[in-house]
Amino acid sequence: MNHLISAVVIISLFAFVQCYLDLNGVCTKHEMTCSKTCTAVAYCHDDGVMPVLLDCYGVTPYCNLGKCSNSYNPYCNQAYNPLFYCPEEDGTYPDPLDCTRFHICLNRTAYTSYCNQPGLVFSTETLSCVKESDQHQCGKVMCLGNGTWVSYSTDEKYAFLCENSTPIFVKRCNESHVFNVHTAKCEFKCNKEGLLPDLSGDDPASYIECSLLYGRDYIITKRSCPDDDRVTSYFDPNTSQCVAIYDQHDTTTHSPPIKYNNNLKKINMFAMQLLKLFHDNFGVNFI
């Protein structure tokens, strides 16, 4: 019975370990690595020996870089670890080759994270890991040549520049814009009917109207909020309406000028009552 158990263990080790092994499944280097399923540490304690599996469990059920961890890394410690070059704009970006990875870019420094459960993918819509589905598919980039831009497969707002058949630089457009890989510029694109801010310039009064006429073809109309001698206004993306500017130096106010007429009337009435009180009780005359 013990021989049978030993045989099963040896077969399991041979099948699931991915550390430095030769063709016979024997360790060729002293190494702490991970099993193929990324759920156990594979320990090669010497050359020419079979690796030993140490299962990960509890709060650290995954193997990551030769150690048990609470973070799921689908590559464990394979050689694949491409550099990710952050753009100037801070933010969270998808990995072009692995939809379970994403990069938080701060001051042009990439901090790489992984979705911590199998079946999860990074969503550029929510900027988080979500369950893979028809709505949230696994995005990727397929480079077609050197010096060419390629759109991220699940979100055309992102595009990657390819060099040596590898995506090395990312570009992200604003909301309601897509990256044109032929002109290498961001262009507006309607995704639904309604009013959207015009981000192509610096005019806060400018906005875009998207109207669906036939099929999926949208009519794009550029409009501006009223601006004349009587009123100056700007487009508020939160309410999708034109909002009057009452303070010419402040385009963020949404409130009309404060009307003091009623308050002044109340103050005047209170003052008159107070004066009458002093006159009736103390004979003081303020007039």
Protein backbone atom coordinates (compact mmCIF):
# COMPACT_ATOMS: atom_id res chain seq x y z
CA MET A 1 0.00 0.00 0.00
CA ASN A 2 2.85 2.38 0.89
CA HIS A 3 4.50 1.64 -2.47
CA LEU A 4 1.22 2.52 -4.22
CA ILE A 5 0.97 5.83 -2.36
CA SER A 6 4.60 6.63 -3.22
CA ALA A 7 3.93 5.89 -6.87
CA VAL A 8 0.90 8.21 -6.89
CA VAL A 9 2.91 10.99 -5.23
CA ILE A 10 5.74 10.62 -7.74
CA ILE A 11 3.32 10.71 -10.68
CA SER A 12 1.59 13.78 -9.24
CA LEU A 13 4.90 15.56 -8.74
CA PHE A 14 5.97 14.78 -12.28
CA ALA A 15 2.66 15.99 -13.73
CA PHE A 16 2.18 19.23 -11.88
CA VAL A 17 5.62 20.66 -11.08
CA GLN A 18 7.15 23.31 -13.31
CA CYS A 19 10.44 24.12 -11.59
CA TYR A 20 13.87 23.39 -13.08
CA LEU A 21 13.31 19.79 -14.22
CA ASP A 22 14.90 17.70 -16.91
CA LEU A 23 12.94 15.52 -19.35
CA ASN A 24 12.61 12.84 -16.67
CA GLY A 25 11.06 15.23 -14.16
CA VAL A 26 14.20 15.46 -12.02
CA CYS A 27 15.39 18.72 -10.46
CA THR A 28 18.37 20.29 -12.19
CA LYS A 29 18.79 23.18 -9.77
CA HIS A 30 18.20 24.00 -6.11
CA GLU A 31 15.00 26.01 -6.39
CA MET A 32 11.77 27.05 -4.66
CA THR A 33 9.09 27.42 -7.32
CA CYS A 34 5.39 26.65 -7.85
CA SER A 35 3.31 23.74 -9.07
CA LYS A 36 1.62 23.96 -12.45
CA THR A 37 -1.73 24.65 -10.78
CA CYS A 38 -0.16 27.47 -8.73
CA THR A 39 -1.56 25.96 -5.53
CA ALA A 40 1.59 24.42 -4.05
CA VAL A 41 5.26 25.27 -3.53
CA ALA A 42 7.58 22.93 -5.44
CA TYR A 43 10.83 22.44 -3.56
CA CYS A 44 13.89 21.18 -5.44
CA HIS A 45 16.31 20.65 -2.55
CA ASP A 46 19.15 19.39 -4.74
CA ASP A 47 20.18 18.44 -8.26
CA GLY A 48 19.06 15.06 -9.56
CA VAL A 49 16.18 14.60 -7.11
CA MET A 50 12.41 14.63 -7.41
CA PRO A 51 10.75 17.88 -6.24
CA VAL A 52 8.63 17.94 -3.10
CA LEU A 53 5.19 19.57 -3.17
CA LEU A 54 4.11 21.70 -0.21
CA ASP A 55 0.42 22.59 -0.51
CA CYS A 56 -0.73 26.18 0.06
CA TYR A 57 -3.98 26.57 2.01
CA GLY A 58 -5.93 28.81 4.37
CA VAL A 59 -5.51 32.55 3.87
CA THR A 60 -2.60 31.93 1.46
CA PRO A 61 -4.02 29.31 -0.93
CA TYR A 62 -1.92 30.27 -3.97
CA CYS A 63 1.73 29.88 -4.87
CA ASN A 64 3.36 33.05 -6.16
CA LEU A 65 7.08 33.24 -6.96
CA GLY A 66 7.90 30.18 -4.89
CA LYS A 67 5.92 31.24 -1.81
CA CYS A 68 2.37 30.74 -0.56
CA SER A 69 0.38 33.92 -1.07
CA ASN A 70 -3.16 35.34 -0.93
CA SER A 71 -2.63 36.78 -4.43
CA TYR A 72 -3.37 34.60 -7.44
CA ASN A 73 -0.75 34.82 -10.20
CA PRO A 74 -1.67 32.60 -13.18
CA TYR A 75 1.96 32.57 -14.30
CA CYS A 76 3.29 31.55 -10.86
CA ASN A 77 6.95 32.13 -11.72
CA GLN A 78 7.25 31.44 -15.40
CA ALA A 79 9.82 33.37 -17.37
CA TYR A 80 7.12 35.59 -18.90
CA ASN A 81 7.31 38.97 -17.18
CA PRO A 82 7.24 41.69 -19.85
CA LEU A 83 7.94 45.26 -18.84
CA PHE A 84 5.02 47.64 -18.86
CA TYR A 85 5.84 51.21 -19.78
CA CYS A 86 3.51 53.70 -18.16
CA PRO A 87 2.33 56.77 -20.08
CA GLU A 88 2.54 60.25 -18.59
CA GLU A 89 -1.08 60.09 -17.44
CA ASP A 90 -1.59 58.33 -14.12
CA GLY A 91 -4.26 55.66 -14.00
CA THR A 92 -5.05 51.95 -14.16
CA TYR A 93 -4.23 50.18 -17.42
CA PRO A 94 -4.83 46.67 -18.79
CA ASP A 95 -1.96 44.34 -19.57
CA PRO A 96 -1.77 43.84 -23.36
CA LEU A 97 -0.94 40.12 -23.16
CA ASP A 98 -2.63 38.88 -20.01
CA CYS A 99 -6.21 39.84 -19.14
CA THR A 100 -5.73 38.77 -15.52
CA ARG A 101 -3.04 41.41 -14.99
CA PHE A 102 -3.39 45.18 -14.68
CA HIS A 103 -1.02 48.02 -13.95
CA ILE A 104 -1.51 51.01 -11.67
CA CYS A 105 0.65 53.79 -13.10
CA LEU A 106 1.78 56.55 -10.76
CA ASN A 107 4.43 59.06 -11.78
CA ARG A 108 5.31 56.80 -14.74
CA THR A 109 5.99 53.84 -12.44
CA ALA A 110 4.01 50.63 -12.96
CA TYR A 111 2.64 48.70 -9.98
CA THR A 112 1.44 45.36 -11.33
CA SER A 113 -1.46 43.42 -9.80
CA TYR A 114 -3.34 40.23 -10.64
CA CYS A 115 -6.92 39.08 -10.41
CA ASN A 116 -6.80 36.79 -7.37
CA GLN A 117 -9.23 34.07 -8.47
CA PRO A 118 -9.40 31.83 -11.55
CA GLY A 119 -12.21 32.89 -13.88
CA LEU A 120 -11.73 36.60 -13.22
CA VAL A 121 -10.52 39.08 -15.83
CA PHE A 122 -9.61 42.74 -15.65
CA SER A 123 -12.34 45.05 -16.93
CA THR A 124 -11.47 48.47 -18.35
CA GLU A 125 -15.09 49.44 -17.74
CA THR A 126 -14.98 48.97 -13.98
CA LEU A 127 -11.17 49.11 -13.62
CA SER A 128 -11.43 46.00 -11.48
CA CYS A 129 -11.45 42.22 -11.75
CA VAL A 130 -14.81 40.80 -12.79
CA LYS A 131 -16.18 37.40 -13.79
CA GLU A 132 -15.35 36.57 -17.40
CA SER A 133 -18.52 36.61 -19.51
CA ASP A 134 -19.88 37.76 -22.85
CA GLN A 135 -20.10 41.25 -21.38
CA HIS A 136 -16.62 41.11 -19.83
CA GLN A 137 -14.35 39.21 -22.18
CA CYS A 138 -10.63 38.57 -21.95
CA GLY A 139 -8.92 41.50 -23.67
CA LYS A 140 -5.64 41.21 -25.54
CA VAL A 141 -3.44 42.83 -28.17
CA MET A 142 -2.21 41.08 -31.31
CA CYS A 143 0.75 42.93 -32.82
CA LEU A 144 0.83 42.88 -36.61
CA GLY A 145 4.16 44.60 -37.19
CA ASN A 146 6.71 47.08 -35.92
CA GLY A 147 5.80 50.70 -35.36
CA THR A 148 2.07 50.01 -35.65
CA TRP A 149 -0.76 50.81 -33.27
CA VAL A 150 -3.19 48.04 -32.28
CA SER A 151 -6.46 48.51 -30.41
CA TYR A 152 -7.12 46.65 -27.18
CA SER A 153 -9.59 43.97 -28.25
CA THR A 154 -12.32 44.72 -25.70
CA ASP A 155 -12.02 48.51 -25.46
CA GLU A 156 -11.03 50.72 -28.38
CA LYS A 157 -10.34 53.54 -25.95
CA TYR A 158 -6.96 51.85 -25.37
CA ALA A 159 -4.29 51.17 -27.98
CA PHE A 160 -0.74 49.82 -27.85
CA LEU A 161 2.29 50.63 -29.98
CA CYS A 162 4.06 47.50 -31.21
CA GLU A 163 7.83 47.11 -31.53
CA ASN A 164 9.50 43.81 -32.39
CA SER A 165 6.03 42.24 -32.43
CA THR A 166 5.54 43.22 -28.77
CA PRO A 167 3.15 45.87 -27.40
CA ILE A 168 5.36 48.28 -25.46
CA PHE A 169 3.49 51.58 -25.09
CA VAL A 170 -0.12 52.31 -24.20
CA LYS A 171 -2.36 55.22 -25.12
CA ARG A 172 -5.72 55.89 -23.46
CA CYS A 173 -8.38 58.21 -24.86
CA ASN A 174 -11.00 60.09 -22.88
CA GLU A 175 -14.48 58.73 -22.34
CA SER A 176 -16.64 58.55 -25.49
CA HIS A 177 -13.49 58.55 -27.62
CA VAL A 178 -11.69 55.75 -29.43
CA PHE A 179 -8.12 55.56 -30.66
CA ASN A 180 -7.77 55.60 -34.44
CA VAL A 181 -4.84 53.27 -35.14
CA HIS A 182 -4.41 54.76 -38.63
CA THR A 183 -4.13 58.41 -37.59
CA ALA A 184 -2.77 57.69 -34.09
CA LYS A 185 -5.32 60.13 -32.66
CA CYS A 186 -8.30 59.96 -30.35
CA GLU A 187 -11.64 60.49 -32.06
CA PHE A 188 -15.14 60.97 -30.69
CA LYS A 189 -17.53 58.04 -31.02
CA CYS A 190 -21.16 57.82 -29.96
CA ASN A 191 -22.01 54.75 -27.92
CA LYS A 192 -25.53 55.79 -26.95
CA GLU A 193 -28.05 58.54 -27.58
CA GLY A 194 -27.86 61.67 -25.49
CA LEU A 195 -25.68 64.67 -24.72
CA LEU A 196 -21.99 64.38 -23.96
CA PRO A 197 -19.28 66.96 -23.17
CA ASP A 198 -17.02 68.00 -26.03
CA LEU A 199 -13.50 67.21 -24.84
CA SER A 200 -11.80 68.11 -28.11
CA GLY A 201 -11.20 71.71 -27.03
CA ASP A 202 -11.20 74.06 -24.07
CA ASP A 203 -14.70 75.48 -24.52
CA PRO A 204 -16.84 74.47 -21.50
CA ALA A 205 -19.99 75.55 -23.36
CA SER A 206 -19.45 73.02 -26.15
CA TYR A 207 -21.20 69.66 -26.11
CA ILE A 208 -22.10 66.87 -28.53
CA GLU A 209 -25.51 65.43 -29.33
CA CYS A 210 -25.67 61.75 -30.32
CA SER A 211 -28.77 60.68 -32.25
CA LEU A 212 -29.37 57.13 -33.47
CA LEU A 213 -31.13 57.26 -36.83
CA TYR A 214 -30.60 54.01 -38.75
CA GLY A 215 -29.25 50.76 -37.34
CA ARG A 216 -26.07 51.52 -35.43
CA ASP A 217 -25.17 54.68 -37.30
CA TYR A 218 -25.19 57.76 -35.10
CA ILE A 219 -25.64 61.36 -36.18
CA ILE A 220 -23.14 63.57 -34.34
CA THR A 221 -24.16 67.20 -33.82
CA LYS A 222 -21.88 69.69 -32.10
CA ARG A 223 -23.76 72.30 -30.07
CA SER A 224 -22.98 75.14 -27.65
CA CYS A 225 -24.72 76.45 -24.55
CA PRO A 226 -26.14 80.04 -24.71
CA ASP A 227 -23.61 82.85 -24.49
CA ASP A 228 -24.72 86.44 -25.14
CA ASP A 229 -25.16 89.79 -23.37
CA ARG A 230 -27.84 88.38 -21.09
CA VAL A 231 -26.32 85.09 -19.96
CA THR A 232 -23.18 82.98 -20.08
CA SER A 233 -23.50 79.24 -19.56
CA TYR A 234 -21.57 76.00 -19.76
CA PHE A 235 -22.41 72.32 -20.26
CA ASP A 236 -22.66 70.31 -17.05
CA PRO A 237 -21.88 66.62 -17.77
CA ASN A 238 -23.47 65.54 -14.48
CA THR A 239 -26.92 66.82 -15.42
CA SER A 240 -26.43 66.92 -19.22
CA GLN A 241 -27.80 70.47 -19.22
CA CYS A 242 -26.60 74.00 -19.82
CA VAL A 243 -25.98 75.82 -16.54
CA ALA A 244 -25.80 79.60 -16.17
CA ILE A 245 -22.60 81.13 -14.82
CA TYR A 246 -23.41 83.83 -12.27
CA ASP A 247 -19.84 84.43 -11.18
CA GLN A 248 -17.77 85.16 -14.26
CA HIS A 249 -14.65 83.90 -12.49
CA ASP A 250 -16.20 80.63 -11.39
CA THR A 251 -17.53 78.05 -13.86
CA THR A 252 -18.37 75.53 -11.16
CA THR A 253 -21.29 77.24 -9.45
CA HIS A 254 -24.70 75.72 -10.12
CA SER A 255 -26.72 78.06 -7.90
CA PRO A 256 -28.43 81.32 -8.95
CA PRO A 257 -27.52 84.56 -7.18
CA ILE A 258 -28.75 84.71 -3.62
CA LYS A 259 -31.82 86.91 -3.30
CA TYR A 260 -31.67 89.05 -0.21
CA ASN A 261 -34.99 90.92 -0.59
CA ASN A 262 -36.99 88.71 1.77
CA ASN A 263 -34.18 88.56 4.31
CA LEU A 264 -33.82 92.35 4.30
CA LYS A 265 -37.53 92.77 4.88
CA LYS A 266 -37.37 90.46 7.90
CA ILE A 267 -34.35 92.30 9.30
CA ASN A 268 -36.04 95.68 8.87
CA MET A 269 -39.20 94.45 10.61
CA PHE A 270 -37.16 93.08 13.52
CA ALA A 271 -35.24 96.37 13.84
CA MET A 272 -38.44 98.38 13.90
CA GLN A 273 -39.90 96.13 16.60
CA LEU A 274 -36.71 96.49 18.65
CA LEU A 275 -36.77 100.29 18.38
CA LYS A 276 -40.42 100.36 19.42
CA LEU A 277 -39.58 98.15 22.42
CA PHE A 278 -36.89 100.57 23.63
CA HIS A 279 -39.18 103.56 23.08
CA ASP A 280 -42.13 102.07 24.96
CA ASN A 281 -40.16 100.78 27.94
CA PHE A 282 -37.34 103.27 28.36
CA GLY A 283 -38.58 106.29 26.55
CA VAL A 284 -35.60 106.18 24.27
CA ASN A 285 -36.12 107.79 20.90
CA PHE A 286 -33.57 106.86 18.22
CA ILE A 287 -34.98 109.16 15.56
